Amino acid sequence: MIKRVVKLTFRPEAVDAFISEVFEKSKVQIRAFPGCLHMELLRNIAAPNVLFTLSMWENELALDTYRHSELFKDTWAKTKVLFLEKAEAWSTEVLDHPE
């Protein structure tokens, strides 16, 4: 399983537009994408214009298939124009977790 963390730093005035016009309109499709096990949106408490997506994927192939899909391309095109800073992303694997 792959856990993907993406840091999204928006212009402060663009956060609400991202949430209502992009995230709310695409979240169901992303969560239903083959290989997506989980996806959630988080906000930095200290910097409300910094959001994170945390998603879980069956494997790297599932994540890469999504990243090359029309759904991703369309969503990303609408998202990146709202940024204050370039997005950062990390693909991680779980090394240890409580039973």
N, C-alpha and C. Protein backbone atom coordinates (compact mmCIF):
# COMPACT_ATOMS: atom_id res chain seq x y z
N MET A 1 0.84 -1.18 0.00
CA MET A 1 0.00 0.00 0.00
C MET A 1 0.89 1.24 0.00
N ILE A 2 0.44 2.26 -0.73
CA ILE A 2 1.13 3.54 -0.82
C ILE A 2 0.28 4.58 -0.11
N LYS A 3 0.90 5.38 0.74
CA LYS A 3 0.22 6.54 1.32
C LYS A 3 0.85 7.77 0.68
N ARG A 4 0.01 8.61 0.12
CA ARG A 4 0.48 9.79 -0.61
C ARG A 4 0.04 11.05 0.13
N VAL A 5 1.00 11.91 0.41
CA VAL A 5 0.73 13.19 1.07
C VAL A 5 1.09 14.29 0.08
N VAL A 6 0.14 15.20 -0.15
CA VAL A 6 0.38 16.32 -1.06
C VAL A 6 0.08 17.61 -0.30
N LYS A 7 1.09 18.48 -0.24
CA LYS A 7 0.94 19.79 0.42
C LYS A 7 0.55 20.81 -0.64
N LEU A 8 -0.56 21.51 -0.39
CA LEU A 8 -1.10 22.48 -1.33
C LEU A 8 -1.17 23.84 -0.63
N THR A 9 -0.34 24.79 -1.07
CA THR A 9 -0.33 26.12 -0.48
C THR A 9 -1.04 27.07 -1.44
N PHE A 10 -2.21 27.51 -1.02
CA PHE A 10 -3.05 28.34 -1.87
C PHE A 10 -2.91 29.82 -1.53
N ARG A 11 -3.23 30.66 -2.50
CA ARG A 11 -3.41 32.07 -2.19
C ARG A 11 -4.56 32.12 -1.18
N PRO A 12 -4.45 32.92 -0.12
CA PRO A 12 -5.49 32.90 0.93
C PRO A 12 -6.91 33.08 0.38
N GLU A 13 -7.08 33.94 -0.61
CA GLU A 13 -8.41 34.19 -1.14
C GLU A 13 -8.92 33.06 -2.04
N ALA A 14 -8.07 32.08 -2.35
CA ALA A 14 -8.44 31.00 -3.26
C ALA A 14 -8.84 29.70 -2.56
N VAL A 15 -8.67 29.64 -1.25
CA VAL A 15 -8.94 28.40 -0.52
C VAL A 15 -10.40 27.96 -0.67
N ASP A 16 -11.31 28.88 -0.42
CA ASP A 16 -12.73 28.52 -0.51
C ASP A 16 -13.11 28.07 -1.92
N ALA A 17 -12.54 28.72 -2.93
CA ALA A 17 -12.82 28.33 -4.32
C ALA A 17 -12.31 26.92 -4.58
N PHE A 18 -11.11 26.60 -4.07
CA PHE A 18 -10.60 25.24 -4.25
C PHE A 18 -11.55 24.23 -3.62
N ILE A 19 -11.92 24.49 -2.38
CA ILE A 19 -12.77 23.52 -1.66
C ILE A 19 -14.11 23.34 -2.37
N SER A 20 -14.77 24.44 -2.70
CA SER A 20 -16.12 24.33 -3.26
C SER A 20 -16.15 24.02 -4.75
N GLU A 21 -15.23 24.57 -5.50
CA GLU A 21 -15.28 24.42 -6.96
C GLU A 21 -14.44 23.26 -7.51
N VAL A 22 -13.45 22.83 -6.75
CA VAL A 22 -12.59 21.75 -7.25
C VAL A 22 -12.76 20.50 -6.39
N PHE A 23 -12.43 20.59 -5.11
CA PHE A 23 -12.44 19.40 -4.26
C PHE A 23 -13.82 18.78 -4.15
N GLU A 24 -14.82 19.58 -3.82
CA GLU A 24 -16.17 19.03 -3.64
C GLU A 24 -16.70 18.38 -4.92
N LYS A 25 -16.29 18.88 -6.06
CA LYS A 25 -16.79 18.36 -7.34
C LYS A 25 -16.01 17.14 -7.83
N SER A 26 -14.85 16.86 -7.24
CA SER A 26 -14.06 15.73 -7.73
C SER A 26 -13.82 14.64 -6.69
N LYS A 27 -14.11 14.91 -5.43
CA LYS A 27 -13.74 13.96 -4.38
C LYS A 27 -14.40 12.58 -4.53
N VAL A 28 -15.64 12.54 -4.94
CA VAL A 28 -16.32 11.24 -5.08
C VAL A 28 -15.67 10.42 -6.19
N GLN A 29 -15.35 11.07 -7.30
CA GLN A 29 -14.70 10.37 -8.42
C GLN A 29 -13.31 9.88 -8.05
N ILE A 30 -12.56 10.72 -7.32
CA ILE A 30 -11.21 10.31 -6.91
C ILE A 30 -11.29 9.13 -5.97
N ARG A 31 -12.18 9.20 -4.99
CA ARG A 31 -12.31 8.10 -4.03
C ARG A 31 -12.79 6.81 -4.68
N ALA A 32 -13.50 6.93 -5.80
CA ALA A 32 -13.99 5.75 -6.51
C ALA A 32 -13.01 5.26 -7.57
N PHE A 33 -11.91 5.97 -7.77
CA PHE A 33 -10.96 5.59 -8.80
C PHE A 33 -10.36 4.22 -8.46
N PRO A 34 -10.22 3.34 -9.44
CA PRO A 34 -9.67 2.00 -9.16
C PRO A 34 -8.32 2.09 -8.45
N GLY A 35 -8.22 1.41 -7.33
CA GLY A 35 -6.97 1.38 -6.58
C GLY A 35 -6.90 2.39 -5.45
N CYS A 36 -7.83 3.36 -5.42
CA CYS A 36 -7.85 4.33 -4.33
C CYS A 36 -8.57 3.70 -3.14
N LEU A 37 -7.88 3.63 -2.02
CA LEU A 37 -8.45 3.02 -0.82
C LEU A 37 -9.00 4.06 0.15
N HIS A 38 -8.48 5.29 0.04
CA HIS A 38 -8.86 6.34 0.99
C HIS A 38 -8.33 7.67 0.47
N MET A 39 -9.06 8.76 0.70
CA MET A 39 -8.57 10.09 0.37
C MET A 39 -9.28 11.09 1.26
N GLU A 40 -8.50 11.96 1.89
CA GLU A 40 -9.08 12.98 2.74
C GLU A 40 -8.35 14.31 2.57
N LEU A 41 -9.02 15.39 2.94
CA LEU A 41 -8.47 16.73 2.85
C LEU A 41 -8.23 17.24 4.27
N LEU A 42 -7.03 17.76 4.50
CA LEU A 42 -6.64 18.26 5.81
C LEU A 42 -6.22 19.72 5.69
N ARG A 43 -6.34 20.47 6.80
CA ARG A 43 -5.92 21.87 6.81
C ARG A 43 -4.90 22.08 7.92
N ASN A 44 -3.87 22.88 7.63
CA ASN A 44 -2.88 23.26 8.62
C ASN A 44 -3.53 24.25 9.58
N ILE A 45 -3.54 23.94 10.86
CA ILE A 45 -4.18 24.81 11.85
C ILE A 45 -3.49 26.17 11.92
N ALA A 46 -2.17 26.19 11.83
CA ALA A 46 -1.42 27.44 11.96
C ALA A 46 -1.43 28.28 10.68
N ALA A 47 -1.68 27.67 9.55
CA ALA A 47 -1.69 28.37 8.26
C ALA A 47 -2.89 27.87 7.46
N PRO A 48 -4.04 28.50 7.59
CA PRO A 48 -5.27 27.99 6.98
C PRO A 48 -5.29 27.94 5.46
N ASN A 49 -4.31 28.55 4.81
CA ASN A 49 -4.24 28.47 3.34
C ASN A 49 -3.39 27.28 2.89
N VAL A 50 -2.90 26.49 3.85
CA VAL A 50 -2.12 25.30 3.52
C VAL A 50 -2.98 24.07 3.80
N LEU A 51 -3.29 23.35 2.72
CA LEU A 51 -4.09 22.13 2.82
C LEU A 51 -3.22 20.95 2.42
N PHE A 52 -3.65 19.77 2.82
CA PHE A 52 -2.97 18.53 2.46
C PHE A 52 -4.01 17.54 1.99
N THR A 53 -3.66 16.74 1.00
CA THR A 53 -4.46 15.56 0.73
C THR A 53 -3.67 14.37 1.23
N LEU A 54 -4.35 13.47 1.88
CA LEU A 54 -3.77 12.20 2.32
C LEU A 54 -4.57 11.12 1.61
N SER A 55 -3.89 10.37 0.77
CA SER A 55 -4.59 9.31 0.04
C SER A 55 -3.84 8.00 0.20
N MET A 56 -4.57 6.92 0.09
CA MET A 56 -4.00 5.58 0.18
C MET A 56 -4.35 4.83 -1.09
N TRP A 57 -3.35 4.18 -1.65
CA TRP A 57 -3.49 3.48 -2.93
C TRP A 57 -3.03 2.05 -2.79
N GLU A 58 -3.65 1.16 -3.54
CA GLU A 58 -3.29 -0.26 -3.48
C GLU A 58 -1.80 -0.48 -3.74
N ASN A 59 -1.28 0.26 -4.73
CA ASN A 59 0.14 0.12 -5.09
C ASN A 59 0.54 1.31 -5.97
N GLU A 60 1.81 1.34 -6.33
CA GLU A 60 2.33 2.44 -7.14
C GLU A 60 1.68 2.50 -8.52
N LEU A 61 1.37 1.35 -9.08
CA LEU A 61 0.71 1.33 -10.40
C LEU A 61 -0.66 2.01 -10.34
N ALA A 62 -1.42 1.75 -9.30
CA ALA A 62 -2.74 2.39 -9.16
C ALA A 62 -2.59 3.90 -9.04
N LEU A 63 -1.63 4.36 -8.25
CA LEU A 63 -1.39 5.80 -8.10
C LEU A 63 -0.96 6.40 -9.43
N ASP A 64 -0.04 5.76 -10.13
CA ASP A 64 0.43 6.28 -11.42
C ASP A 64 -0.68 6.29 -12.46
N THR A 65 -1.55 5.29 -12.44
CA THR A 65 -2.68 5.26 -13.37
C THR A 65 -3.58 6.46 -13.11
N TYR A 66 -3.84 6.75 -11.85
CA TYR A 66 -4.64 7.93 -11.51
C TYR A 66 -3.94 9.21 -11.97
N ARG A 67 -2.64 9.32 -11.70
CA ARG A 67 -1.89 10.54 -12.04
C ARG A 67 -1.82 10.80 -13.54
N HIS A 68 -2.06 9.78 -14.36
CA HIS A 68 -2.06 9.94 -15.81
C HIS A 68 -3.48 9.97 -16.39
N SER A 69 -4.48 10.00 -15.52
CA SER A 69 -5.87 9.96 -15.97
C SER A 69 -6.38 11.35 -16.33
N GLU A 70 -7.47 11.38 -17.10
CA GLU A 70 -8.12 12.65 -17.43
C GLU A 70 -8.69 13.30 -16.17
N LEU A 71 -9.16 12.50 -15.22
CA LEU A 71 -9.68 13.03 -13.96
C LEU A 71 -8.60 13.84 -13.25
N PHE A 72 -7.41 13.28 -13.13
CA PHE A 72 -6.31 13.99 -12.47
C PHE A 72 -5.93 15.24 -13.26
N LYS A 73 -5.77 15.09 -14.57
CA LYS A 73 -5.35 16.24 -15.39
C LYS A 73 -6.32 17.39 -15.26
N ASP A 74 -7.61 17.11 -15.30
CA ASP A 74 -8.63 18.14 -15.20
C ASP A 74 -8.62 18.77 -13.80
N THR A 75 -8.57 17.95 -12.77
CA THR A 75 -8.57 18.44 -11.39
C THR A 75 -7.32 19.26 -11.12
N TRP A 76 -6.17 18.77 -11.57
CA TRP A 76 -4.90 19.46 -11.31
C TRP A 76 -4.85 20.80 -12.04
N ALA A 77 -5.36 20.86 -13.26
CA ALA A 77 -5.37 22.12 -14.02
C ALA A 77 -6.18 23.18 -13.27
N LYS A 78 -7.29 22.80 -12.67
CA LYS A 78 -8.13 23.74 -11.92
C LYS A 78 -7.50 24.11 -10.57
N THR A 79 -6.68 23.22 -10.03
CA THR A 79 -6.08 23.43 -8.72
C THR A 79 -4.84 24.31 -8.79
N LYS A 80 -3.94 24.01 -9.70
CA LYS A 80 -2.63 24.69 -9.68
C LYS A 80 -2.70 26.18 -9.97
N VAL A 81 -3.75 26.65 -10.63
CA VAL A 81 -3.87 28.09 -10.88
C VAL A 81 -4.21 28.87 -9.60
N LEU A 82 -4.57 28.16 -8.54
CA LEU A 82 -4.93 28.78 -7.27
C LEU A 82 -3.77 28.84 -6.28
N PHE A 83 -2.62 28.28 -6.65
CA PHE A 83 -1.49 28.17 -5.73
C PHE A 83 -0.78 29.48 -5.46
N LEU A 84 -0.28 29.59 -4.24
CA LEU A 84 0.67 30.63 -3.86
C LEU A 84 2.09 30.09 -4.03
N GLU A 85 2.26 28.81 -3.75
CA GLU A 85 3.55 28.12 -3.87
C GLU A 85 3.35 26.80 -4.61
N LYS A 86 4.42 26.31 -5.18
CA LYS A 86 4.39 25.02 -5.86
C LYS A 86 4.02 23.91 -4.87
N ALA A 87 3.22 22.98 -5.32
CA ALA A 87 2.82 21.85 -4.48
C ALA A 87 4.02 20.95 -4.19
N GLU A 88 3.95 20.28 -3.05
CA GLU A 88 4.96 19.28 -2.68
C GLU A 88 4.23 17.96 -2.46
N ALA A 89 4.86 16.86 -2.84
CA ALA A 89 4.20 15.56 -2.69
C ALA A 89 5.20 14.50 -2.26
N TRP A 90 4.71 13.58 -1.44
CA TRP A 90 5.52 12.47 -0.98
C TRP A 90 4.72 11.18 -1.08
N SER A 91 5.31 10.17 -1.65
CA SER A 91 4.73 8.83 -1.64
C SER A 91 5.47 8.05 -0.55
N THR A 92 4.71 7.47 0.36
CA THR A 92 5.32 6.79 1.50
C THR A 92 4.79 5.37 1.62
N GLU A 93 5.56 4.58 2.34
CA GLU A 93 5.11 3.23 2.68
C GLU A 93 5.16 3.09 4.19
N VAL A 94 4.27 2.32 4.75
CA VAL A 94 4.21 2.11 6.19
C VAL A 94 5.28 1.09 6.58
N LEU A 95 6.13 1.50 7.51
CA LEU A 95 7.15 0.59 8.01
C LEU A 95 6.73 -0.08 9.30
N ASP A 96 5.92 0.63 10.08
CA ASP A 96 5.47 0.07 11.36
C ASP A 96 4.14 0.73 11.72
N HIS A 97 3.25 -0.03 12.24
CA HIS A 97 1.98 0.50 12.73
C HIS A 97 1.50 -0.36 13.87
N PRO A 98 0.71 0.21 14.79
CA PRO A 98 0.22 -0.61 15.90
C PRO A 98 -0.76 -1.66 15.41
N GLU A 99 -0.74 -2.77 16.05
CA GLU A 99 -1.64 -3.87 15.69
C GLU A 99 -3.03 -3.61 16.19
